[in-house]
Amino acid sequence: MRIRLFAGAAEAAGREEVSLAGPLTLASLRGALAAEHGAEFADVLSRCSLMVDGTRGGSDDLVVADSATVDVLPPFAGG
C-alpha cells in the first residue's frame, strides 16, 4: 500500500512516502511504521489521523487493502 506522510510525520520519518505490503489492520500498519522509523516517529504517529482512500480510518481492526492509499495526517493549527 502507498502511505503518504505529511508535515511532522514526514519530518520525523525523513521522507514523504513509504510502501508496505498488505492487507494490514490499522493497528498493524501503525506498528510496522513505528518499528521502521523509530521512537520519534512513533510518538508523532500516536497523535496522527489516518485516512484510507480518502475516508477517515475507523477502529484499529479495520483492514486496509494492499491497493489502498493511506494518508498520515498530524494535528495542525490554523484557520
Protein backbone atom coordinates (compact mmCIF):
# COMPACT_ATOMS: atom_id res chain seq x y z
CA MET A 1 0.00 0.00 0.00
CA ARG A 2 1.03 3.57 -0.58
CA ILE A 3 1.47 5.61 2.60
CA ARG A 4 1.79 9.36 2.29
CA LEU A 5 3.27 11.23 5.25
CA PHE A 6 2.50 14.90 5.85
CA ALA A 7 4.02 17.72 7.91
CA GLY A 8 5.55 16.49 11.21
CA ALA A 9 5.07 12.83 10.25
CA ALA A 10 7.15 13.31 7.09
CA GLU A 11 9.77 15.22 9.04
CA ALA A 12 10.05 12.55 11.73
CA ALA A 13 10.30 9.75 9.14
CA GLY A 14 12.70 11.64 6.89
CA ARG A 15 10.53 11.02 3.83
CA GLU A 16 7.12 11.85 2.41
CA GLU A 17 6.07 8.42 1.20
CA VAL A 18 6.59 4.77 2.10
CA SER A 19 5.18 1.47 0.91
CA LEU A 20 4.03 -1.55 2.89
CA ALA A 21 2.65 -4.86 1.73
CA GLY A 22 -0.91 -5.51 2.82
CA PRO A 23 -3.51 -6.24 3.72
CA LEU A 24 -2.92 -4.95 7.26
CA THR A 25 -5.15 -3.76 10.05
CA LEU A 26 -4.72 -0.14 11.07
CA ALA A 27 -3.10 -1.34 14.30
CA SER A 28 -0.61 -3.49 12.37
CA LEU A 29 0.07 -0.66 9.94
CA ARG A 30 0.85 1.74 12.81
CA GLY A 31 3.10 -0.89 14.41
CA ALA A 32 5.01 -1.54 11.20
CA LEU A 33 5.54 2.17 10.58
CA ALA A 34 6.68 2.78 14.16
CA ALA A 35 9.11 -0.16 14.02
CA GLU A 36 10.59 1.04 10.74
CA HIS A 37 11.02 4.72 11.63
CA GLY A 38 11.84 4.78 15.35
CA ALA A 39 10.65 6.31 18.60
CA GLU A 40 10.35 9.93 17.46
CA PHE A 41 8.16 8.89 14.55
CA ALA A 42 6.12 6.56 16.79
CA ASP A 43 5.42 9.50 19.11
CA VAL A 44 4.21 11.65 16.21
CA LEU A 45 2.22 8.74 14.74
CA SER A 46 0.34 8.26 18.02
CA ARG A 47 -1.24 11.69 17.50
CA CYS A 48 -1.98 11.32 13.79
CA SER A 49 -5.22 10.66 11.96
CA LEU A 50 -5.17 8.08 9.19
CA MET A 51 -7.18 8.50 6.01
CA VAL A 52 -7.70 5.35 3.95
CA ASP A 53 -8.54 6.08 0.32
CA GLY A 54 -9.88 9.49 1.36
CA THR A 55 -12.00 8.24 4.27
CA ARG A 56 -11.04 8.68 7.91
CA GLY A 57 -9.76 5.38 9.29
CA GLY A 58 -12.02 3.87 11.90
CA SER A 59 -11.14 1.30 14.52
CA ASP A 60 -7.74 -0.34 14.82
CA ASP A 61 -9.14 -3.61 13.43
CA LEU A 62 -10.08 -2.00 10.08
CA VAL A 63 -8.37 -3.99 7.32
CA VAL A 64 -6.50 -1.87 4.78
CA ALA A 65 -6.10 -3.42 1.34
CA ASP A 66 -2.74 -3.73 -0.38
CA SER A 67 -4.00 -1.38 -3.12
CA ALA A 68 -5.02 1.38 -0.68
CA THR A 69 -3.54 4.84 -0.23
CA VAL A 70 -3.16 5.85 3.40
CA ASP A 71 -2.55 9.47 4.39
CA VAL A 72 -0.89 10.07 7.78
CA LEU A 73 -2.06 13.49 9.00
CA PRO A 74 -0.62 15.02 12.16
CA PRO A 75 -2.75 17.52 14.07
CA PHE A 76 -2.21 21.05 12.89
CA ALA A 77 -3.29 24.51 13.96
CA GLY A 78 -4.52 27.36 11.90
CA GLY A 79 -7.63 28.58 10.22
